[in-house]
């Protein structure tokens, strides 16, 4: 999983992995391609607004769910919960575990009995994961909230947790697909990124949203990094891309980086500004790993 992010800018905007990691990641990918999904929330826990990082990761051997809860007293040591989804004790598919936040127990409830999984490390539907602290549900994942409320007998905290950023990787050759929040509400939109890098013509790339072609980038050899702004349902969406590795890195997989940001984003300049370590609103960060 890429772990290199700007230290002086937004914690949500990732930098490209350094060249020294390519061979190691190549060996890992050849053995078992690892898929990961990272969700960063802001939630109110014990009178503090804290970031909760939820990580789903999966390869041929392991399948993990991990929570990192911000520690306001020591930012180098977050509160951590991790469980192996392939472990026999987990796959009774309905369970409960606990971990500690500020010296008190937090409880994690889950129910995957009806959950539908695909190649994505997170379930696609029919499940819930609820984090309970001091008689409140501080974070609720999944599409079965009523089942979670009934089981935990707890109310959601107010205000409810807010999704700040979604980061993930996908594998492909010419086609890369994902889903992202691109406006008000909780509805995700289908995003397809398609490329034509080899052939008689110049390399080019298309980005479609909900089946509608929104961006076509020609002369990709010269426009391998860039951004454009589109409008959709009265929402302005900025799209950033960096596909330098697709074109000039001969190793496999090679990384393409895409950022989808509704409304406004200042990631291009925030990395160079002092005392600017936050980003407003939601952004979706996609690593497109090109195989071959």
C-alpha atoms as a PDB file:
ATOM      1  CA  UNK A   1       0.000   0.000   0.000  1.00  0.00           C
ATOM      2  CA  UNK A   2       1.458   3.411  -0.844  1.00  0.00           C
ATOM      3  CA  UNK A   3       2.310   5.172   2.397  1.00  0.00           C
ATOM      4  CA  UNK A   4       4.082   8.286   1.137  1.00  0.00           C
ATOM      5  CA  UNK A   5       2.103  11.496   1.635  1.00  0.00           C
ATOM      6  CA  UNK A   6       3.046  15.156   1.688  1.00  0.00           C
ATOM      7  CA  UNK A   7       4.234  16.050   5.160  1.00  0.00           C
ATOM      8  CA  UNK A   8       3.714  19.790   4.756  1.00  0.00           C
ATOM      9  CA  UNK A   9       0.451  19.737   2.859  1.00  0.00           C
ATOM     10  CA  UNK A  10      -2.870  17.987   3.074  1.00  0.00           C
ATOM     11  CA  UNK A  11      -2.744  14.525   4.663  1.00  0.00           C
ATOM     12  CA  UNK A  12      -5.268  13.382   2.075  1.00  0.00           C
ATOM     13  CA  UNK A  13      -3.281  14.182  -1.082  1.00  0.00           C
ATOM     14  CA  UNK A  14      -0.763  11.392  -1.743  1.00  0.00           C
ATOM     15  CA  UNK A  15       2.604  11.700  -3.387  1.00  0.00           C
ATOM     16  CA  UNK A  16       3.831   9.172  -5.911  1.00  0.00           C
ATOM     17  CA  UNK A  17       5.689   6.156  -4.446  1.00  0.00           C
ATOM     18  CA  UNK A  18       9.469   6.580  -4.634  1.00  0.00           C
ATOM     19  CA  UNK A  19      11.325   4.691  -7.385  1.00  0.00           C
ATOM     20  CA  UNK A  20      13.130   2.558  -4.814  1.00  0.00           C
ATOM     21  CA  UNK A  21       9.879   0.846  -3.847  1.00  0.00           C
ATOM     22  CA  UNK A  22       8.963  -0.249  -7.369  1.00  0.00           C
ATOM     23  CA  UNK A  23      10.825  -3.549  -7.463  1.00  0.00           C
ATOM     24  CA  UNK A  24       9.561  -4.569  -4.044  1.00  0.00           C
ATOM     25  CA  UNK A  25       5.959  -3.730  -4.951  1.00  0.00           C
ATOM     26  CA  UNK A  26       6.430  -5.518  -8.277  1.00  0.00           C
ATOM     27  CA  UNK A  27       7.403  -8.715  -6.486  1.00  0.00           C
ATOM     28  CA  UNK A  28       4.468  -8.389  -4.116  1.00  0.00           C
ATOM     29  CA  UNK A  29       2.059  -7.788  -7.014  1.00  0.00           C
ATOM     30  CA  UNK A  30       3.339 -10.845  -8.853  1.00  0.00           C
ATOM     31  CA  UNK A  31       2.785 -13.052  -5.822  1.00  0.00           C
ATOM     32  CA  UNK A  32      -0.569 -11.716  -4.739  1.00  0.00           C
ATOM     33  CA  UNK A  33      -2.040  -8.407  -5.883  1.00  0.00           C
ATOM     34  CA  UNK A  34      -3.156  -6.473  -2.847  1.00  0.00           C
ATOM     35  CA  UNK A  35      -6.320  -4.412  -2.995  1.00  0.00           C
ATOM     36  CA  UNK A  36      -6.977  -1.762  -0.393  1.00  0.00           C
ATOM     37  CA  UNK A  37      -9.595   0.814   0.422  1.00  0.00           C
ATOM     38  CA  UNK A  38      -9.034   3.635   2.917  1.00  0.00           C
ATOM     39  CA  UNK A  39     -11.859   5.787   4.283  1.00  0.00           C
ATOM     40  CA  UNK A  40     -11.057   8.828   6.422  1.00  0.00           C
ATOM     41  CA  UNK A  41     -13.887  10.123   8.615  1.00  0.00           C
ATOM     42  CA  UNK A  42     -14.265  12.931  11.101  1.00  0.00           C
ATOM     43  CA  UNK A  43     -16.251  11.802  14.127  1.00  0.00           C
ATOM     44  CA  UNK A  44     -17.092  13.211  17.539  1.00  0.00           C
ATOM     45  CA  UNK A  45     -15.659  10.976  20.258  1.00  0.00           C
ATOM     46  CA  UNK A  46     -15.502  11.981  23.932  1.00  0.00           C
ATOM     47  CA  UNK A  47     -16.053  15.683  23.204  1.00  0.00           C
ATOM     48  CA  UNK A  48     -13.314  15.793  20.533  1.00  0.00           C
ATOM     49  CA  UNK A  49     -13.652  15.789  16.772  1.00  0.00           C
ATOM     50  CA  UNK A  50     -11.195  13.137  15.619  1.00  0.00           C
ATOM     51  CA  UNK A  51     -10.186  11.508  12.402  1.00  0.00           C
ATOM     52  CA  UNK A  52     -10.955   7.810  12.089  1.00  0.00           C
ATOM     53  CA  UNK A  53      -9.101   5.967   9.345  1.00  0.00           C
ATOM     54  CA  UNK A  54     -10.805   2.779   8.186  1.00  0.00           C
ATOM     55  CA  UNK A  55      -8.685   0.418   6.099  1.00  0.00           C
ATOM     56  CA  UNK A  56      -9.912  -2.632   4.233  1.00  0.00           C
ATOM     57  CA  UNK A  57      -7.096  -4.679   2.665  1.00  0.00           C
ATOM     58  CA  UNK A  58      -7.113  -7.988   0.836  1.00  0.00           C
ATOM     59  CA  UNK A  59      -4.786 -10.304  -1.059  1.00  0.00           C
ATOM     60  CA  UNK A  60      -4.725 -14.032  -1.719  1.00  0.00           C
ATOM     61  CA  UNK A  61      -3.592 -14.742   1.836  1.00  0.00           C
ATOM     62  CA  UNK A  62      -4.998 -12.030   4.116  1.00  0.00           C
ATOM     63  CA  UNK A  63      -8.150  -9.954   4.467  1.00  0.00           C
ATOM     64  CA  UNK A  64      -8.066  -7.266   7.149  1.00  0.00           C
ATOM     65  CA  UNK A  65     -10.265  -4.536   8.588  1.00  0.00           C
ATOM     66  CA  UNK A  66      -8.462  -1.885  10.622  1.00  0.00           C
ATOM     67  CA  UNK A  67      -9.492   1.279  12.504  1.00  0.00           C
ATOM     68  CA  UNK A  68      -7.057   4.019  13.521  1.00  0.00           C
ATOM     69  CA  UNK A  69      -8.622   6.600  15.828  1.00  0.00           C
ATOM     70  CA  UNK A  70      -6.833   9.909  16.302  1.00  0.00           C
ATOM     71  CA  UNK A  71      -5.327  10.392  19.751  1.00  0.00           C
ATOM     72  CA  UNK A  72      -5.547  14.110  20.692  1.00  0.00           C
ATOM     73  CA  UNK A  73      -3.002  13.593  23.475  1.00  0.00           C
ATOM     74  CA  UNK A  74      -0.365  11.851  21.326  1.00  0.00           C
ATOM     75  CA  UNK A  75      -0.645  12.144  17.562  1.00  0.00           C
ATOM     76  CA  UNK A  76       2.127   9.575  17.083  1.00  0.00           C
ATOM     77  CA  UNK A  77       0.138   6.806  18.766  1.00  0.00           C
ATOM     78  CA  UNK A  78      -3.454   6.507  17.512  1.00  0.00           C
ATOM     79  CA  UNK A  79      -5.875   4.036  19.015  1.00  0.00           C
ATOM     80  CA  UNK A  80      -5.914   0.956  16.796  1.00  0.00           C
ATOM     81  CA  UNK A  81      -8.269  -1.935  16.151  1.00  0.00           C
ATOM     82  CA  UNK A  82      -7.469  -4.673  13.635  1.00  0.00           C
ATOM     83  CA  UNK A  83      -9.157  -7.958  12.812  1.00  0.00           C
ATOM     84  CA  UNK A  84      -8.528 -10.697  10.279  1.00  0.00           C
ATOM     85  CA  UNK A  85     -11.654 -11.261   8.228  1.00  0.00           C
ATOM     86  CA  UNK A  86     -10.407 -14.696   7.180  1.00  0.00           C
ATOM     87  CA  UNK A  87      -9.854 -15.929  10.724  1.00  0.00           C
ATOM     88  CA  UNK A  88     -12.205 -18.706  11.793  1.00  0.00           C
ATOM     89  CA  UNK A  89     -13.356 -16.815  14.882  1.00  0.00           C
ATOM     90  CA  UNK A  90     -14.354 -13.865  12.679  1.00  0.00           C
ATOM     91  CA  UNK A  91     -16.292 -15.815  10.117  1.00  0.00           C
ATOM     92  CA  UNK A  92     -19.154 -16.714  12.301  1.00  0.00           C
ATOM     93  CA  UNK A  93     -19.948 -13.537  10.279  1.00  0.00           C
ATOM     94  CA  UNK A  94     -21.561 -11.821  13.234  1.00  0.00           C
ATOM     95  CA  UNK A  95     -19.459 -10.694  16.120  1.00  0.00           C
ATOM     96  CA  UNK A  96     -18.236  -8.193  18.663  1.00  0.00           C
ATOM     97  CA  UNK A  97     -14.778  -7.073  19.774  1.00  0.00           C
ATOM     98  CA  UNK A  98     -13.439  -4.168  21.796  1.00  0.00           C
ATOM     99  CA  UNK A  99     -10.432  -1.873  21.943  1.00  0.00           C
ATOM    100  CA  UNK A 100      -9.457   1.105  24.088  1.00  0.00           C
ATOM    101  CA  UNK A 101      -9.931   4.833  23.471  1.00  0.00           C
ATOM    102  CA  UNK A 102      -8.834   7.298  26.175  1.00  0.00           C
ATOM    103  CA  UNK A 103      -8.754   4.506  28.743  1.00  0.00           C
ATOM    104  CA  UNK A 104     -12.318   3.374  28.042  1.00  0.00           C
ATOM    105  CA  UNK A 105     -13.627   0.520  25.949  1.00  0.00           C
ATOM    106  CA  UNK A 106     -14.933   1.017  22.444  1.00  0.00           C
ATOM    107  CA  UNK A 107     -16.952  -1.829  20.956  1.00  0.00           C
ATOM    108  CA  UNK A 108     -16.983  -2.932  17.320  1.00  0.00           C
ATOM    109  CA  UNK A 109     -20.112  -4.780  16.168  1.00  0.00           C
ATOM    110  CA  UNK A 110     -20.332  -6.408  12.741  1.00  0.00           C
ATOM    111  CA  UNK A 111     -22.722  -8.545  10.752  1.00  0.00           C
ATOM    112  CA  UNK A 112     -21.597 -10.045   7.423  1.00  0.00           C
ATOM    113  CA  UNK A 113     -24.061 -12.943   7.276  1.00  0.00           C
ATOM    114  CA  UNK A 114     -25.776 -11.566   4.157  1.00  0.00           C
ATOM    115  CA  UNK A 115     -22.860  -9.455   2.902  1.00  0.00           C
ATOM    116  CA  UNK A 116     -21.955  -9.495  -0.765  1.00  0.00           C
ATOM    117  CA  UNK A 117     -18.238  -9.410  -1.597  1.00  0.00           C
ATOM    118  CA  UNK A 118     -16.476  -8.963  -4.930  1.00  0.00           C
ATOM    119  CA  UNK A 119     -12.855  -8.222  -5.821  1.00  0.00           C
ATOM    120  CA  UNK A 120     -13.083  -5.098  -3.670  1.00  0.00           C
ATOM    121  CA  UNK A 121     -11.771  -5.654  -0.120  1.00  0.00           C
ATOM    122  CA  UNK A 122     -14.899  -4.055   1.394  1.00  0.00           C
ATOM    123  CA  UNK A 123     -18.382  -5.595   1.093  1.00  0.00           C
ATOM    124  CA  UNK A 124     -20.617  -4.075  -1.550  1.00  0.00           C
ATOM    125  CA  UNK A 125     -23.952  -4.426   0.301  1.00  0.00           C
ATOM    126  CA  UNK A 126     -26.035  -6.070   3.040  1.00  0.00           C
ATOM    127  CA  UNK A 127     -23.774  -5.534   6.051  1.00  0.00           C
ATOM    128  CA  UNK A 128     -22.907  -3.183   8.887  1.00  0.00           C
ATOM    129  CA  UNK A 129     -19.924  -2.374  11.086  1.00  0.00           C
ATOM    130  CA  UNK A 130     -20.680  -0.161  14.087  1.00  0.00           C
ATOM    131  CA  UNK A 131     -18.208   1.442  16.493  1.00  0.00           C
ATOM    132  CA  UNK A 132     -19.802   2.208  19.871  1.00  0.00           C
ATOM    133  CA  UNK A 133     -18.242   4.451  22.514  1.00  0.00           C
ATOM    134  CA  UNK A 134     -19.900   5.778  25.667  1.00  0.00           C
ATOM    135  CA  UNK A 135     -23.382   4.612  24.635  1.00  0.00           C
ATOM    136  CA  UNK A 136     -23.235   6.205  21.174  1.00  0.00           C
ATOM    137  CA  UNK A 137     -22.555   4.862  17.695  1.00  0.00           C
ATOM    138  CA  UNK A 138     -19.647   7.084  16.685  1.00  0.00           C
ATOM    139  CA  UNK A 139     -19.128   5.428  13.290  1.00  0.00           C
ATOM    140  CA  UNK A 140     -21.444   3.264  11.212  1.00  0.00           C
ATOM    141  CA  UNK A 141     -20.409   1.538   7.987  1.00  0.00           C
ATOM    142  CA  UNK A 142     -22.594  -0.386   5.572  1.00  0.00           C
ATOM    143  CA  UNK A 143     -26.127  -0.198   4.245  1.00  0.00           C
ATOM    144  CA  UNK A 144     -27.998  -1.863   7.138  1.00  0.00           C
ATOM    145  CA  UNK A 145     -28.182   0.882   9.791  1.00  0.00           C
ATOM    146  CA  UNK A 146     -31.500  -0.245  11.275  1.00  0.00           C
ATOM    147  CA  UNK A 147     -30.041  -3.679  12.016  1.00  0.00           C
ATOM    148  CA  UNK A 148     -27.102  -2.005  13.760  1.00  0.00           C
ATOM    149  CA  UNK A 149     -29.371   0.229  15.868  1.00  0.00           C
ATOM    150  CA  UNK A 150     -31.515  -2.741  16.859  1.00  0.00           C
ATOM    151  CA  UNK A 151     -28.564  -4.881  17.874  1.00  0.00           C
ATOM    152  CA  UNK A 152     -26.488  -2.301  19.723  1.00  0.00           C
ATOM    153  CA  UNK A 153     -29.469  -0.512  21.276  1.00  0.00           C
ATOM    154  CA  UNK A 154     -27.467   2.690  20.917  1.00  0.00           C
ATOM    155  CA  UNK A 155     -28.198   5.989  19.208  1.00  0.00           C
ATOM    156  CA  UNK A 156     -25.918   7.636  16.645  1.00  0.00           C
ATOM    157  CA  UNK A 157     -23.747  10.466  17.886  1.00  0.00           C
ATOM    158  CA  UNK A 158     -24.592  14.017  16.843  1.00  0.00           C
ATOM    159  CA  UNK A 159     -23.335  15.195  14.513  1.00  0.00           C
ATOM    160  CA  UNK A 160     -22.833  11.925  12.680  1.00  0.00           C
ATOM    161  CA  UNK A 161     -19.417  11.036  11.280  1.00  0.00           C
ATOM    162  CA  UNK A 162     -18.459  12.806   8.040  1.00  0.00           C
ATOM    163  CA  UNK A 163     -16.524  11.127   5.234  1.00  0.00           C
ATOM    164  CA  UNK A 164     -13.552  13.333   4.336  1.00  0.00           C
ATOM    165  CA  UNK A 165     -11.621  11.205   1.891  1.00  0.00           C
ATOM    166  CA  UNK A 166     -11.758   7.889   0.060  1.00  0.00           C
ATOM    167  CA  UNK A 167      -8.536   6.348  -1.231  1.00  0.00           C
ATOM    168  CA  UNK A 168      -8.211   3.077  -3.111  1.00  0.00           C
ATOM    169  CA  UNK A 169      -6.266   1.163  -5.717  1.00  0.00           C
ATOM    170  CA  UNK A 170      -7.546  -0.692  -8.773  1.00  0.00           C
ATOM    171  CA  UNK A 171      -5.752  -2.933 -11.252  1.00  0.00           C
ATOM    172  CA  UNK A 172      -6.171  -2.963 -15.020  1.00  0.00           C
ATOM    173  CA  UNK A 173      -4.539  -2.523 -18.413  1.00  0.00           C
ATOM    174  CA  UNK A 174      -6.676  -0.190 -20.513  1.00  0.00           C
ATOM    175  CA  UNK A 175      -9.732   0.178 -18.278  1.00  0.00           C
ATOM    176  CA  UNK A 176     -10.060   1.238 -14.631  1.00  0.00           C
ATOM    177  CA  UNK A 177     -13.387   1.484 -12.802  1.00  0.00           C
ATOM    178  CA  UNK A 178     -14.406   2.952  -9.464  1.00  0.00           C
ATOM    179  CA  UNK A 179     -17.295   4.665  -7.676  1.00  0.00           C
ATOM    180  CA  UNK A 180     -17.103   8.044  -5.956  1.00  0.00           C
ATOM    181  CA  UNK A 181     -19.183  10.641  -4.119  1.00  0.00           C
ATOM    182  CA  UNK A 182     -19.235  13.652  -6.402  1.00  0.00           C
ATOM    183  CA  UNK A 183     -21.890  15.903  -4.936  1.00  0.00           C
ATOM    184  CA  UNK A 184     -24.479  16.294  -2.213  1.00  0.00           C
ATOM    185  CA  UNK A 185     -26.010  13.186  -0.728  1.00  0.00           C
ATOM    186  CA  UNK A 186     -24.666   9.666  -0.307  1.00  0.00           C
ATOM    187  CA  UNK A 187     -25.117   8.417  -3.857  1.00  0.00           C
ATOM    188  CA  UNK A 188     -21.926   7.220  -5.532  1.00  0.00           C
ATOM    189  CA  UNK A 189     -21.259   7.712  -9.235  1.00  0.00           C
ATOM    190  CA  UNK A 190     -19.612   5.289 -11.659  1.00  0.00           C
ATOM    191  CA  UNK A 191     -16.235   6.456 -12.950  1.00  0.00           C
ATOM    192  CA  UNK A 192     -14.423   4.783 -15.852  1.00  0.00           C
ATOM    193  CA  UNK A 193     -10.892   5.698 -16.936  1.00  0.00           C
ATOM    194  CA  UNK A 194      -9.816   4.355 -20.326  1.00  0.00           C
ATOM    195  CA  UNK A 195      -6.495   4.758 -22.087  1.00  0.00           C
ATOM    196  CA  UNK A 196      -4.958   4.129 -25.490  1.00  0.00           C
ATOM    197  CA  UNK A 197      -1.207   4.230 -24.930  1.00  0.00           C
ATOM    198  CA  UNK A 198       0.056   2.121 -27.807  1.00  0.00           C
ATOM    199  CA  UNK A 199      -0.755   2.157 -31.482  1.00  0.00           C
ATOM    200  CA  UNK A 200      -0.331   4.330 -34.550  1.00  0.00           C
ATOM    201  CA  UNK A 201      -1.737   7.468 -32.928  1.00  0.00           C
ATOM    202  CA  UNK A 202      -0.607   9.595 -30.001  1.00  0.00           C
ATOM    203  CA  UNK A 203      -1.439   8.259 -26.513  1.00  0.00           C
ATOM    204  CA  UNK A 204      -4.733   9.528 -25.124  1.00  0.00           C
ATOM    205  CA  UNK A 205      -7.098   8.987 -22.204  1.00  0.00           C
ATOM    206  CA  UNK A 206     -10.821   9.325 -21.506  1.00  0.00           C
ATOM    207  CA  UNK A 207     -12.667   9.773 -18.216  1.00  0.00           C
ATOM    208  CA  UNK A 208     -16.392   8.982 -18.087  1.00  0.00           C
ATOM    209  CA  UNK A 209     -18.868   9.544 -15.263  1.00  0.00           C
ATOM    210  CA  UNK A 210     -22.124   7.573 -15.207  1.00  0.00           C
ATOM    211  CA  UNK A 211     -21.550   6.502 -18.806  1.00  0.00           C
ATOM    212  CA  UNK A 212     -21.033  10.049 -20.109  1.00  0.00           C
ATOM    213  CA  UNK A 213     -17.617  11.009 -21.471  1.00  0.00           C
ATOM    214  CA  UNK A 214     -16.517  14.083 -19.519  1.00  0.00           C
ATOM    215  CA  UNK A 215     -12.816  14.492 -20.325  1.00  0.00           C
ATOM    216  CA  UNK A 216     -10.646  13.457 -23.265  1.00  0.00           C
ATOM    217  CA  UNK A 217      -6.918  14.095 -22.921  1.00  0.00           C
ATOM    218  CA  UNK A 218      -4.990  14.080 -26.198  1.00  0.00           C
ATOM    219  CA  UNK A 219      -1.197  14.137 -26.621  1.00  0.00           C
ATOM    220  CA  UNK A 220      -0.768  12.306 -23.325  1.00  0.00           C
ATOM    221  CA  UNK A 221       3.008  12.231 -23.782  1.00  0.00           C
ATOM    222  CA  UNK A 222       2.920  15.969 -23.078  1.00  0.00           C
ATOM    223  CA  UNK A 223      -0.176  16.127 -20.859  1.00  0.00           C
ATOM    224  CA  UNK A 224       0.631  13.260 -18.494  1.00  0.00           C
ATOM    225  CA  UNK A 225      -0.047  15.615 -15.564  1.00  0.00           C
ATOM    226  CA  UNK A 226      -2.910  18.061 -15.440  1.00  0.00           C
ATOM    227  CA  UNK A 227      -6.353  19.011 -14.209  1.00  0.00           C
ATOM    228  CA  UNK A 228      -9.707  20.040 -15.583  1.00  0.00           C
ATOM    229  CA  UNK A 229     -12.959  21.231 -14.045  1.00  0.00           C
ATOM    230  CA  UNK A 230     -16.335  19.845 -15.068  1.00  0.00           C
ATOM    231  CA  UNK A 231     -19.904  20.575 -13.962  1.00  0.00           C
ATOM    232  CA  UNK A 232     -22.378  17.881 -13.005  1.00  0.00           C
ATOM    233  CA  UNK A 233     -25.756  18.364 -11.316  1.00  0.00           C
ATOM    234  CA  UNK A 234     -24.888  21.929 -10.287  1.00  0.00           C
ATOM    235  CA  UNK A 235     -21.641  20.711  -8.735  1.00  0.00           C
ATOM    236  CA  UNK A 236     -18.202  21.785  -9.882  1.00  0.00           C
ATOM    237  CA  UNK A 237     -15.784  18.844  -9.886  1.00  0.00           C
ATOM    238  CA  UNK A 238     -12.056  19.200 -10.274  1.00  0.00           C
ATOM    239  CA  UNK A 239     -10.206  16.211 -11.693  1.00  0.00           C
ATOM    240  CA  UNK A 240      -6.444  15.855 -11.327  1.00  0.00           C
ATOM    241  CA  UNK A 241      -4.320  13.197 -13.004  1.00  0.00           C
ATOM    242  CA  UNK A 242      -0.693  12.078 -13.080  1.00  0.00           C
ATOM    243  CA  UNK A 243       0.021   9.159 -15.436  1.00  0.00           C
ATOM    244  CA  UNK A 244       3.741   9.758 -15.963  1.00  0.00           C
ATOM    245  CA  UNK A 245       4.570   6.212 -14.831  1.00  0.00           C
ATOM    246  CA  UNK A 246       2.146   4.683 -17.312  1.00  0.00           C
ATOM    247  CA  UNK A 247       4.140   6.191 -20.150  1.00  0.00           C
ATOM    248  CA  UNK A 248       7.724   6.225 -18.924  1.00  0.00           C
ATOM    249  CA  UNK A 249       8.070   3.491 -16.297  1.00  0.00           C
ATOM    250  CA  UNK A 250       8.750   0.055 -17.782  1.00  0.00           C
ATOM    251  CA  UNK A 251       8.102  -1.850 -14.549  1.00  0.00           C
ATOM    252  CA  UNK A 252       4.759  -3.448 -13.760  1.00  0.00           C
ATOM    253  CA  UNK A 253       2.524  -2.386 -12.174  1.00  0.00           C
ATOM    254  CA  UNK A 254       2.978   1.307 -12.980  1.00  0.00           C
ATOM    255  CA  UNK A 255       0.976   3.891 -11.067  1.00  0.00           C
ATOM    256  CA  UNK A 256      -1.519   6.414 -12.346  1.00  0.00           C
ATOM    257  CA  UNK A 257      -2.830   8.870  -9.766  1.00  0.00           C
ATOM    258  CA  UNK A 258      -6.285  10.480 -10.022  1.00  0.00           C
ATOM    259  CA  UNK A 259      -8.020  12.886  -7.629  1.00  0.00           C
ATOM    260  CA  UNK A 260     -11.718  13.771  -7.881  1.00  0.00           C
ATOM    261  CA  UNK A 261     -12.704  16.772  -5.776  1.00  0.00           C
ATOM    262  CA  UNK A 262     -16.192  18.293  -5.756  1.00  0.00           C
ATOM    263  CA  UNK A 263     -16.339  22.088  -5.428  1.00  0.00           C
ATOM    264  CA  UNK A 264     -12.852  23.526  -4.829  1.00  0.00           C
ATOM    265  CA  UNK A 265      -9.465  22.071  -4.032  1.00  0.00           C
ATOM    266  CA  UNK A 266      -6.113  23.716  -3.427  1.00  0.00           C
ATOM    267  CA  UNK A 267      -3.933  20.649  -3.373  1.00  0.00           C
ATOM    268  CA  UNK A 268      -1.605  22.009  -6.037  1.00  0.00           C
ATOM    269  CA  UNK A 269      -0.491  24.900  -3.839  1.00  0.00           C
ATOM    270  CA  UNK A 270      -1.214  23.694  -0.294  1.00  0.00           C
ATOM    271  CA  UNK A 271       1.794  21.375  -0.327  1.00  0.00           C
ATOM    272  CA  UNK A 272       4.032  24.447  -0.522  1.00  0.00           C
ATOM    273  CA  UNK A 273       2.223  26.536   2.091  1.00  0.00           C
ATOM    274  CA  UNK A 274       3.349  26.596   5.691  1.00  0.00           C
ATOM    275  CA  UNK A 275       0.836  25.830   8.429  1.00  0.00           C
ATOM    276  CA  UNK A 276      -1.645  24.449   5.886  1.00  0.00           C
ATOM    277  CA  UNK A 277      -2.351  20.869   6.891  1.00  0.00           C
ATOM    278  CA  UNK A 278      -6.030  20.480   6.105  1.00  0.00           C
ATOM    279  CA  UNK A 279      -8.336  20.233   3.143  1.00  0.00           C
ATOM    280  CA  UNK A 280     -11.962  21.236   3.055  1.00  0.00           C
ATOM    281  CA  UNK A 281     -14.649  18.931   1.755  1.00  0.00           C
ATOM    282  CA  UNK A 282     -14.506  15.461   0.273  1.00  0.00           C
ATOM    283  CA  UNK A 283     -11.964  14.085  -2.182  1.00  0.00           C
ATOM    284  CA  UNK A 284     -11.564  10.708  -3.869  1.00  0.00           C
ATOM    285  CA  UNK A 285      -8.006   9.520  -4.498  1.00  0.00           C
ATOM    286  CA  UNK A 286      -7.464   6.656  -6.926  1.00  0.00           C
ATOM    287  CA  UNK A 287      -4.288   4.730  -7.650  1.00  0.00           C
ATOM    288  CA  UNK A 288      -4.713   3.024 -11.031  1.00  0.00           C
ATOM    289  CA  UNK A 289      -2.148   0.233 -11.248  1.00  0.00           C
ATOM    290  CA  UNK A 290      -1.476  -0.621 -14.872  1.00  0.00           C
ATOM    291  CA  UNK A 291      -0.450  -4.234 -15.424  1.00  0.00           C
ATOM    292  CA  UNK A 292       1.795  -4.951 -18.414  1.00  0.00           C
END
